Amino acid sequence: MAYFRVQLRNGSSHTFQAVNMRADAHSLYLEERAAGAWRPVFTSPLTEVERVQRRFTENDGTWTWLNEQLPAPIGGVRAW
């Protein structure tokens, strides 16, 4: 699973472990897969998200945070 750091417009920063990042017309979702179903780890309105970063581990064991582009919105709403 990847690590994502989400920085919100209010200045707070949150780190999550997730498999998938997606967006619909209104929200950003970080998700994990459990028992064959996608489950949200974090959800936030897109208007509150300042930046999303993914952590990459370097060969020497250190890590680097790189900015991620928000995914293109997926049509429709996924039923949980």
N, C-alpha and C. Protein backbone atom coordinates (compact mmCIF):
# COMPACT_ATOMS: atom_id res chain seq x y z
N MET A 1 0.84 -1.18 0.00
CA MET A 1 0.00 0.00 0.00
C MET A 1 0.88 1.25 0.00
N ALA A 2 0.40 2.26 -0.63
CA ALA A 2 1.13 3.53 -0.71
C ALA A 2 0.74 4.43 0.46
N TYR A 3 1.62 5.37 0.75
CA TYR A 3 1.32 6.40 1.74
C TYR A 3 0.99 7.68 1.00
N PHE A 4 -0.10 8.33 1.42
CA PHE A 4 -0.52 9.60 0.84
C PHE A 4 -0.57 10.64 1.94
N ARG A 5 -0.11 11.84 1.63
CA ARG A 5 -0.23 12.97 2.55
C ARG A 5 -1.19 13.96 1.89
N VAL A 6 -2.26 14.28 2.60
CA VAL A 6 -3.27 15.21 2.09
C VAL A 6 -3.17 16.50 2.90
N GLN A 7 -2.92 17.61 2.21
CA GLN A 7 -2.88 18.91 2.85
C GLN A 7 -4.16 19.64 2.50
N LEU A 8 -4.87 20.07 3.54
CA LEU A 8 -6.15 20.74 3.35
C LEU A 8 -5.97 22.25 3.36
N ARG A 9 -6.93 22.96 2.83
CA ARG A 9 -6.86 24.41 2.72
C ARG A 9 -6.83 25.10 4.09
N ASN A 10 -7.28 24.41 5.15
CA ASN A 10 -7.25 25.00 6.49
C ASN A 10 -5.87 24.89 7.13
N GLY A 11 -4.88 24.32 6.38
CA GLY A 11 -3.51 24.23 6.87
C GLY A 11 -3.16 22.90 7.50
N SER A 12 -4.13 22.04 7.76
CA SER A 12 -3.84 20.75 8.37
C SER A 12 -3.30 19.76 7.33
N SER A 13 -2.53 18.79 7.81
CA SER A 13 -1.94 17.78 6.95
C SER A 13 -2.20 16.42 7.58
N HIS A 14 -2.60 15.44 6.76
CA HIS A 14 -2.94 14.10 7.24
C HIS A 14 -2.26 13.07 6.36
N THR A 15 -1.75 12.01 6.98
CA THR A 15 -1.08 10.94 6.24
C THR A 15 -1.90 9.67 6.36
N PHE A 16 -2.12 8.99 5.23
CA PHE A 16 -2.93 7.78 5.18
C PHE A 16 -2.22 6.72 4.36
N GLN A 17 -2.50 5.47 4.68
CA GLN A 17 -2.05 4.36 3.87
C GLN A 17 -3.25 3.88 3.07
N ALA A 18 -3.12 3.80 1.74
CA ALA A 18 -4.24 3.44 0.87
C ALA A 18 -3.72 2.77 -0.40
N VAL A 19 -4.60 2.03 -1.06
CA VAL A 19 -4.26 1.36 -2.31
C VAL A 19 -4.67 2.21 -3.50
N ASN A 20 -5.76 2.93 -3.38
CA ASN A 20 -6.36 3.62 -4.52
C ASN A 20 -6.70 5.06 -4.15
N MET A 21 -6.49 5.97 -5.10
CA MET A 21 -6.94 7.35 -4.96
C MET A 21 -7.86 7.64 -6.13
N ARG A 22 -9.04 8.17 -5.85
CA ARG A 22 -9.97 8.52 -6.93
C ARG A 22 -10.75 9.77 -6.53
N ALA A 23 -11.44 10.34 -7.51
CA ALA A 23 -12.26 11.52 -7.26
C ALA A 23 -13.53 11.41 -8.08
N ASP A 24 -14.59 11.99 -7.55
CA ASP A 24 -15.79 12.19 -8.35
C ASP A 24 -15.93 13.70 -8.52
N ALA A 25 -17.07 14.17 -8.92
CA ALA A 25 -17.23 15.60 -9.19
C ALA A 25 -17.08 16.46 -7.93
N HIS A 26 -17.23 15.85 -6.75
CA HIS A 26 -17.25 16.64 -5.53
C HIS A 26 -16.20 16.27 -4.49
N SER A 27 -15.72 15.03 -4.49
CA SER A 27 -14.88 14.56 -3.38
C SER A 27 -13.65 13.79 -3.84
N LEU A 28 -12.65 13.77 -2.96
CA LEU A 28 -11.45 12.94 -3.11
C LEU A 28 -11.62 11.75 -2.17
N TYR A 29 -11.26 10.56 -2.67
CA TYR A 29 -11.35 9.33 -1.88
C TYR A 29 -10.01 8.62 -1.89
N LEU A 30 -9.53 8.23 -0.72
CA LEU A 30 -8.42 7.30 -0.59
C LEU A 30 -9.05 6.00 -0.11
N GLU A 31 -8.70 4.87 -0.77
CA GLU A 31 -9.40 3.63 -0.49
C GLU A 31 -8.44 2.47 -0.27
N GLU A 32 -8.92 1.47 0.47
CA GLU A 32 -8.23 0.20 0.61
C GLU A 32 -9.17 -0.88 0.12
N ARG A 33 -8.61 -2.03 -0.19
CA ARG A 33 -9.43 -3.15 -0.66
C ARG A 33 -9.45 -4.20 0.43
N ALA A 34 -10.65 -4.58 0.87
CA ALA A 34 -10.80 -5.58 1.93
C ALA A 34 -11.98 -6.47 1.58
N ALA A 35 -11.74 -7.77 1.63
CA ALA A 35 -12.78 -8.76 1.34
C ALA A 35 -13.40 -8.52 -0.03
N GLY A 36 -12.59 -8.09 -1.01
CA GLY A 36 -13.06 -7.91 -2.37
C GLY A 36 -13.83 -6.64 -2.63
N ALA A 37 -13.89 -5.74 -1.64
CA ALA A 37 -14.64 -4.49 -1.81
C ALA A 37 -13.75 -3.30 -1.48
N TRP A 38 -13.99 -2.18 -2.13
CA TRP A 38 -13.25 -0.95 -1.84
C TRP A 38 -13.88 -0.29 -0.63
N ARG A 39 -13.04 0.11 0.33
CA ARG A 39 -13.51 0.80 1.54
C ARG A 39 -12.74 2.11 1.66
N PRO A 40 -13.46 3.19 1.99
CA PRO A 40 -12.78 4.48 2.12
C PRO A 40 -11.90 4.53 3.36
N VAL A 41 -10.70 5.07 3.20
CA VAL A 41 -9.79 5.35 4.31
C VAL A 41 -9.93 6.82 4.68
N PHE A 42 -10.16 7.65 3.65
CA PHE A 42 -10.29 9.09 3.84
C PHE A 42 -11.16 9.65 2.72
N THR A 43 -12.01 10.59 3.06
CA THR A 43 -12.86 11.28 2.09
C THR A 43 -12.88 12.76 2.44
N SER A 44 -12.76 13.60 1.43
CA SER A 44 -12.82 15.04 1.65
C SER A 44 -13.39 15.73 0.42
N PRO A 45 -14.18 16.79 0.61
CA PRO A 45 -14.62 17.58 -0.55
C PRO A 45 -13.41 18.15 -1.28
N LEU A 46 -13.45 18.13 -2.61
CA LEU A 46 -12.34 18.65 -3.41
C LEU A 46 -12.04 20.11 -3.11
N THR A 47 -13.05 20.87 -2.74
CA THR A 47 -12.85 22.29 -2.44
C THR A 47 -11.98 22.50 -1.20
N GLU A 48 -11.82 21.48 -0.36
CA GLU A 48 -11.01 21.60 0.85
C GLU A 48 -9.59 21.06 0.68
N VAL A 49 -9.30 20.41 -0.46
CA VAL A 49 -7.99 19.79 -0.68
C VAL A 49 -7.05 20.78 -1.35
N GLU A 50 -5.94 21.06 -0.69
CA GLU A 50 -4.91 21.94 -1.25
C GLU A 50 -3.93 21.16 -2.12
N ARG A 51 -3.47 19.99 -1.58
CA ARG A 51 -2.45 19.22 -2.28
C ARG A 51 -2.48 17.78 -1.79
N VAL A 52 -2.15 16.85 -2.69
CA VAL A 52 -1.99 15.44 -2.33
C VAL A 52 -0.60 15.01 -2.76
N GLN A 53 0.10 14.32 -1.86
CA GLN A 53 1.44 13.83 -2.16
C GLN A 53 1.49 12.33 -1.90
N ARG A 54 2.36 11.64 -2.65
CA ARG A 54 2.59 10.21 -2.45
C ARG A 54 4.04 10.03 -2.00
N ARG A 55 4.23 9.11 -1.06
CA ARG A 55 5.58 8.85 -0.55
C ARG A 55 6.26 7.77 -1.37
N PHE A 56 7.48 8.08 -1.83
CA PHE A 56 8.28 7.12 -2.57
C PHE A 56 9.53 6.82 -1.74
N THR A 57 9.86 5.54 -1.62
CA THR A 57 11.05 5.13 -0.88
C THR A 57 12.24 5.04 -1.83
N GLU A 58 13.31 5.72 -1.45
CA GLU A 58 14.53 5.72 -2.26
C GLU A 58 15.32 4.43 -2.02
N ASN A 59 16.31 4.15 -2.87
CA ASN A 59 17.13 2.95 -2.73
C ASN A 59 17.89 2.90 -1.41
N ASP A 60 18.22 4.06 -0.84
CA ASP A 60 18.97 4.08 0.42
C ASP A 60 18.06 4.00 1.65
N GLY A 61 16.76 3.83 1.44
CA GLY A 61 15.82 3.69 2.55
C GLY A 61 15.15 4.98 2.98
N THR A 62 15.64 6.12 2.51
CA THR A 62 14.96 7.38 2.82
C THR A 62 13.73 7.50 1.93
N TRP A 63 12.86 8.45 2.23
CA TRP A 63 11.70 8.63 1.35
C TRP A 63 11.55 10.07 0.93
N THR A 64 10.82 10.24 -0.16
CA THR A 64 10.56 11.53 -0.77
C THR A 64 9.06 11.66 -1.00
N TRP A 65 8.52 12.84 -0.71
CA TRP A 65 7.10 13.10 -1.00
C TRP A 65 7.02 13.83 -2.34
N LEU A 66 6.26 13.26 -3.29
CA LEU A 66 6.07 13.88 -4.60
C LEU A 66 4.61 14.26 -4.76
N ASN A 67 4.37 15.42 -5.37
CA ASN A 67 3.00 15.89 -5.59
C ASN A 67 2.30 14.96 -6.57
N GLU A 68 1.07 14.64 -6.25
CA GLU A 68 0.22 13.82 -7.11
C GLU A 68 -0.83 14.72 -7.76
N GLN A 69 -1.10 14.46 -9.00
CA GLN A 69 -2.18 15.15 -9.67
C GLN A 69 -3.49 14.50 -9.23
N LEU A 70 -4.49 15.29 -8.93
CA LEU A 70 -5.78 14.71 -8.55
C LEU A 70 -6.33 13.92 -9.73
N PRO A 71 -6.86 12.74 -9.46
CA PRO A 71 -7.39 11.93 -10.56
C PRO A 71 -8.60 12.60 -11.21
N ALA A 72 -8.79 12.29 -12.49
CA ALA A 72 -9.96 12.81 -13.19
C ALA A 72 -11.22 12.21 -12.56
N PRO A 73 -12.26 13.01 -12.43
CA PRO A 73 -13.49 12.50 -11.82
C PRO A 73 -14.07 11.31 -12.60
N ILE A 74 -14.56 10.36 -11.85
CA ILE A 74 -15.23 9.19 -12.44
C ILE A 74 -16.72 9.48 -12.46
N GLY A 75 -17.36 9.23 -13.58
CA GLY A 75 -18.80 9.47 -13.67
C GLY A 75 -19.59 8.57 -12.75
N GLY A 76 -20.64 9.10 -12.19
CA GLY A 76 -21.50 8.30 -11.33
C GLY A 76 -20.95 8.21 -9.92
N VAL A 77 -21.68 7.52 -9.09
CA VAL A 77 -21.31 7.35 -7.69
C VAL A 77 -21.21 5.86 -7.41
N ARG A 78 -20.13 5.47 -6.77
CA ARG A 78 -19.93 4.05 -6.44
C ARG A 78 -20.71 3.74 -5.15
N ALA A 79 -21.48 2.68 -5.17
CA ALA A 79 -22.23 2.25 -3.99
C ALA A 79 -21.31 1.48 -3.06
N TRP A 80 -21.36 1.77 -1.81
CA TRP A 80 -20.53 1.07 -0.83
C TRP A 80 -21.32 -0.05 -0.32
